[in-house]
N, C-alpha and C. Protein backbone atom coordinates (compact mmCIF):
# COMPACT_ATOMS: atom_id res chain seq x y z
N MET A 1 25.95 -114.10 -17.81
CA MET A 1 27.18 -113.27 -17.30
C MET A 1 26.87 -112.67 -15.96
N SER A 2 27.84 -112.84 -14.97
CA SER A 2 27.65 -112.24 -13.66
C SER A 2 27.82 -110.86 -13.70
N GLN A 3 27.41 -110.09 -12.60
CA GLN A 3 27.55 -108.72 -12.54
C GLN A 3 29.06 -108.29 -12.48
N GLU A 4 29.78 -109.09 -11.66
CA GLU A 4 31.27 -108.78 -11.74
C GLU A 4 31.94 -108.88 -13.03
N GLU A 5 31.55 -110.06 -13.75
CA GLU A 5 32.06 -110.23 -15.11
C GLU A 5 31.78 -109.02 -16.11
N ALA A 6 30.49 -108.64 -15.96
CA ALA A 6 30.07 -107.50 -16.74
C ALA A 6 30.90 -106.33 -16.48
N LYS A 7 31.03 -105.95 -15.28
CA LYS A 7 31.81 -104.81 -14.71
C LYS A 7 33.25 -104.92 -15.32
N LEU A 8 33.99 -106.19 -15.24
CA LEU A 8 35.24 -106.20 -15.68
C LEU A 8 35.29 -106.22 -17.17
N GLN A 9 34.28 -106.56 -17.95
CA GLN A 9 34.39 -106.42 -19.38
C GLN A 9 34.28 -104.98 -19.76
N ARG A 10 33.35 -104.17 -19.10
CA ARG A 10 33.24 -102.82 -19.43
C ARG A 10 34.59 -102.15 -19.09
N LEU A 11 35.24 -102.55 -17.96
CA LEU A 11 36.57 -101.89 -17.64
C LEU A 11 37.66 -102.13 -18.75
N VAL A 12 37.62 -103.41 -19.14
CA VAL A 12 38.62 -103.76 -20.13
C VAL A 12 38.36 -103.14 -21.53
N ARG A 13 37.04 -103.06 -21.88
CA ARG A 13 36.69 -102.34 -23.15
C ARG A 13 37.09 -100.92 -23.09
N SER A 14 36.80 -100.31 -21.90
CA SER A 14 37.20 -98.97 -21.77
C SER A 14 38.70 -98.65 -21.91
N VAL A 15 39.55 -99.44 -21.39
CA VAL A 15 40.88 -99.26 -21.55
C VAL A 15 41.40 -99.55 -22.98
N VAL A 16 40.84 -100.65 -23.58
CA VAL A 16 41.16 -100.98 -24.95
C VAL A 16 40.85 -99.75 -25.81
N LYS A 17 39.50 -99.16 -25.63
CA LYS A 17 39.23 -98.04 -26.51
C LYS A 17 40.04 -96.83 -26.32
N LYS A 18 40.53 -96.61 -25.09
CA LYS A 18 41.46 -95.39 -24.86
C LYS A 18 42.77 -95.59 -25.55
N ARG A 19 43.16 -96.78 -25.64
CA ARG A 19 44.54 -97.03 -26.17
C ARG A 19 44.50 -97.05 -27.75
N ARG A 20 43.50 -97.41 -28.32
CA ARG A 20 43.20 -97.42 -29.82
C ARG A 20 44.31 -98.16 -30.47
N LEU A 21 44.51 -99.41 -30.34
CA LEU A 21 45.54 -100.05 -31.09
C LEU A 21 44.86 -100.64 -32.15
N PRO A 22 45.11 -100.44 -33.48
CA PRO A 22 44.38 -100.95 -34.57
C PRO A 22 44.33 -102.43 -34.67
N LEU A 23 45.44 -103.12 -34.25
CA LEU A 23 45.44 -104.66 -34.30
C LEU A 23 44.55 -105.25 -33.33
N VAL A 24 44.11 -104.58 -32.16
CA VAL A 24 43.25 -105.24 -31.19
C VAL A 24 41.89 -104.84 -31.60
N ILE A 25 41.18 -105.74 -31.93
CA ILE A 25 39.68 -105.50 -32.46
C ILE A 25 38.50 -106.00 -31.48
N GLY A 26 39.07 -106.39 -30.21
CA GLY A 26 38.09 -106.81 -29.29
C GLY A 26 38.58 -107.45 -28.06
N SER A 27 37.84 -107.85 -27.22
CA SER A 27 38.29 -108.59 -25.86
C SER A 27 37.19 -109.45 -25.35
N GLU A 28 37.61 -110.31 -24.53
CA GLU A 28 36.77 -111.19 -23.83
C GLU A 28 37.23 -111.36 -22.43
N VAL A 29 36.42 -111.65 -21.42
CA VAL A 29 36.70 -111.70 -20.05
C VAL A 29 36.20 -113.01 -19.62
N GLU A 30 36.90 -113.76 -18.81
CA GLU A 30 36.47 -115.12 -18.31
C GLU A 30 36.93 -115.11 -16.84
N LEU A 31 35.85 -115.55 -15.94
CA LEU A 31 36.20 -115.52 -14.53
C LEU A 31 36.56 -117.09 -14.18
N GLY A 32 37.33 -117.38 -13.17
CA GLY A 32 37.53 -118.70 -12.60
C GLY A 32 38.64 -118.59 -11.57
N GLU A 33 39.18 -119.70 -11.47
CA GLU A 33 40.39 -119.75 -10.40
C GLU A 33 41.68 -120.24 -11.11
N ASP A 34 42.71 -119.76 -10.50
CA ASP A 34 43.99 -120.08 -11.22
C ASP A 34 44.58 -121.31 -10.58
N SER A 35 45.70 -121.72 -10.97
CA SER A 35 46.30 -122.87 -10.52
C SER A 35 46.46 -123.10 -9.08
N THR A 36 46.33 -121.99 -8.34
CA THR A 36 46.54 -121.91 -6.79
C THR A 36 45.22 -121.85 -6.20
N ASP A 37 44.18 -122.07 -7.05
CA ASP A 37 42.75 -121.98 -6.51
C ASP A 37 42.31 -120.54 -5.99
N GLN A 38 43.15 -119.62 -6.49
CA GLN A 38 42.72 -118.22 -6.13
C GLN A 38 41.83 -117.60 -7.26
N PRO A 39 40.89 -116.66 -6.83
CA PRO A 39 40.12 -116.00 -7.92
C PRO A 39 40.85 -115.27 -8.94
N ALA A 40 40.57 -115.52 -10.18
CA ALA A 40 41.17 -114.99 -11.27
C ALA A 40 40.28 -114.48 -12.49
N VAL A 41 40.83 -113.63 -13.28
CA VAL A 41 40.17 -113.12 -14.46
C VAL A 41 41.16 -113.37 -15.58
N TRP A 42 40.75 -113.92 -16.71
CA TRP A 42 41.55 -114.13 -17.94
C TRP A 42 40.82 -113.12 -18.88
N ILE A 43 41.80 -112.17 -19.36
CA ILE A 43 41.41 -111.22 -20.34
C ILE A 43 42.01 -111.57 -21.65
N TRP A 44 41.22 -111.79 -22.74
CA TRP A 44 41.77 -112.22 -24.04
C TRP A 44 41.59 -111.03 -24.98
N LEU A 45 42.68 -110.51 -25.50
CA LEU A 45 42.64 -109.40 -26.49
C LEU A 45 42.62 -110.13 -27.76
N LYS A 46 41.55 -109.64 -28.62
CA LYS A 46 41.32 -110.29 -29.95
C LYS A 46 42.10 -109.54 -30.91
N ILE A 47 43.07 -110.25 -31.63
CA ILE A 47 43.88 -109.62 -32.55
C ILE A 47 43.47 -109.91 -33.91
N ASP A 48 43.52 -108.91 -34.80
CA ASP A 48 43.13 -108.89 -36.17
C ASP A 48 44.09 -110.11 -36.89
N PRO A 49 43.38 -111.06 -37.49
CA PRO A 49 44.06 -112.17 -38.03
C PRO A 49 45.11 -111.87 -39.27
N ARG A 50 44.87 -110.76 -39.89
CA ARG A 50 45.63 -110.36 -40.97
C ARG A 50 46.79 -109.50 -40.54
N SER A 51 46.96 -109.17 -39.33
CA SER A 51 48.07 -108.42 -38.77
C SER A 51 49.26 -109.23 -38.48
N GLU A 52 50.41 -108.77 -38.81
CA GLU A 52 51.68 -109.55 -38.60
C GLU A 52 52.32 -108.72 -37.54
N LEU A 53 52.33 -109.27 -36.27
CA LEU A 53 52.94 -108.47 -35.02
C LEU A 53 54.31 -108.11 -35.28
N THR A 54 54.68 -106.94 -35.05
CA THR A 54 56.04 -106.39 -35.06
C THR A 54 56.47 -106.22 -33.51
N ARG A 55 57.64 -106.06 -33.41
CA ARG A 55 58.22 -105.80 -31.96
C ARG A 55 57.65 -104.54 -31.37
N SER A 56 57.39 -103.63 -32.13
CA SER A 56 56.91 -102.32 -31.65
C SER A 56 55.50 -102.59 -31.18
N GLN A 57 54.64 -103.32 -31.98
CA GLN A 57 53.29 -103.67 -31.74
C GLN A 57 53.13 -104.47 -30.44
N LEU A 58 54.06 -105.50 -30.31
CA LEU A 58 54.12 -106.37 -29.12
C LEU A 58 54.42 -105.42 -27.86
N GLY A 59 55.26 -104.47 -27.98
CA GLY A 59 55.49 -103.56 -26.92
C GLY A 59 54.20 -102.84 -26.57
N GLN A 60 53.47 -102.39 -27.48
CA GLN A 60 52.19 -101.49 -27.28
C GLN A 60 51.14 -102.52 -26.54
N ILE A 61 51.11 -103.77 -26.95
CA ILE A 61 50.19 -104.75 -26.36
C ILE A 61 50.63 -105.02 -25.02
N ASN A 62 51.89 -105.03 -24.58
CA ASN A 62 52.31 -105.25 -23.20
C ASN A 62 52.00 -103.98 -22.45
N GLU A 63 52.12 -102.84 -22.94
CA GLU A 63 51.69 -101.59 -22.36
C GLU A 63 50.13 -101.57 -22.01
N LEU A 64 49.45 -102.00 -23.00
CA LEU A 64 47.92 -102.19 -22.77
C LEU A 64 47.64 -103.25 -21.78
N SER A 65 48.39 -104.33 -21.70
CA SER A 65 48.05 -105.40 -20.70
C SER A 65 48.47 -104.76 -19.24
N ARG A 66 49.61 -104.13 -19.11
CA ARG A 66 49.91 -103.42 -17.90
C ARG A 66 48.81 -102.33 -17.45
N SER A 67 48.16 -101.60 -18.48
CA SER A 67 47.12 -100.65 -18.11
C SER A 67 45.85 -101.38 -17.56
N ILE A 68 45.55 -102.42 -18.28
CA ILE A 68 44.35 -103.21 -17.87
C ILE A 68 44.45 -103.75 -16.42
N LYS A 69 45.64 -104.36 -16.21
CA LYS A 69 46.03 -104.84 -14.91
C LYS A 69 46.03 -103.74 -13.78
N ARG A 70 46.55 -102.67 -14.15
CA ARG A 70 46.71 -101.45 -13.23
C ARG A 70 45.18 -101.09 -12.78
N GLU A 71 44.27 -100.93 -13.95
CA GLU A 71 42.90 -100.57 -13.65
C GLU A 71 42.14 -101.51 -12.80
N ILE A 72 42.29 -102.88 -12.89
CA ILE A 72 41.66 -103.86 -12.13
C ILE A 72 42.16 -103.73 -10.78
N PHE A 73 43.36 -103.50 -10.53
CA PHE A 73 43.87 -103.46 -9.02
C PHE A 73 43.34 -102.13 -8.58
N GLN A 74 43.32 -100.92 -9.14
CA GLN A 74 42.90 -99.77 -8.70
C GLN A 74 41.45 -99.77 -8.38
N LYS A 75 40.63 -100.50 -9.07
CA LYS A 75 39.17 -100.62 -8.83
C LYS A 75 38.80 -101.73 -7.74
N ASP A 76 39.90 -102.22 -7.14
CA ASP A 76 39.78 -103.19 -6.01
C ASP A 76 39.08 -104.46 -6.36
N PHE A 77 39.15 -105.03 -7.60
CA PHE A 77 38.63 -106.40 -7.88
C PHE A 77 39.44 -107.36 -7.19
N ARG A 78 38.99 -108.35 -6.64
CA ARG A 78 39.75 -109.36 -5.84
C ARG A 78 40.17 -110.54 -6.64
N ARG A 79 40.52 -110.34 -7.93
CA ARG A 79 40.95 -111.39 -8.83
C ARG A 79 42.33 -111.04 -9.45
N GLN A 80 43.20 -112.08 -9.60
CA GLN A 80 44.41 -111.96 -10.23
C GLN A 80 44.14 -111.88 -11.75
N PRO A 81 44.55 -110.86 -12.40
CA PRO A 81 44.39 -110.75 -13.84
C PRO A 81 45.44 -111.38 -14.65
N TYR A 82 44.97 -112.09 -15.69
CA TYR A 82 45.98 -112.69 -16.70
C TYR A 82 45.47 -112.28 -18.00
N VAL A 83 46.38 -111.61 -18.91
CA VAL A 83 46.07 -111.16 -20.16
C VAL A 83 46.69 -112.05 -21.16
N GLY A 84 45.93 -112.42 -22.29
CA GLY A 84 46.56 -113.24 -23.33
C GLY A 84 46.00 -112.74 -24.63
N LEU A 85 46.47 -113.24 -25.74
CA LEU A 85 46.07 -112.93 -27.08
C LEU A 85 45.37 -114.09 -27.78
N ARG A 86 44.45 -113.67 -28.51
CA ARG A 86 43.68 -114.65 -29.32
C ARG A 86 43.53 -114.02 -30.74
N THR A 87 43.48 -114.85 -31.87
CA THR A 87 43.25 -114.30 -33.05
C THR A 87 41.74 -114.32 -33.26
N ALA A 88 41.20 -113.13 -33.64
CA ALA A 88 39.75 -113.02 -33.86
C ALA A 88 39.37 -114.02 -35.04
N ALA A 89 38.16 -114.45 -34.96
CA ALA A 89 37.74 -115.39 -35.96
C ALA A 89 37.05 -114.57 -37.15
């Protein structure tokens, strides 16, 4: 894991921890390039497989996603953030 990837992972974990959404049980960060060959970071929020997402919970996840992106931009990372959901194994 690169130093940049480790810093991004710590940042994402910090934001997730502050939000304390019970259905989000972890996160992963992957660096790469997007379809326009620009530096990107994919943030995968791991969702509890037993949960059934409600409209309210999806709203909370969207707000969490915005918070993560805002932190990445404020910390001056030069990567476009993309946030997605994955079911935890």
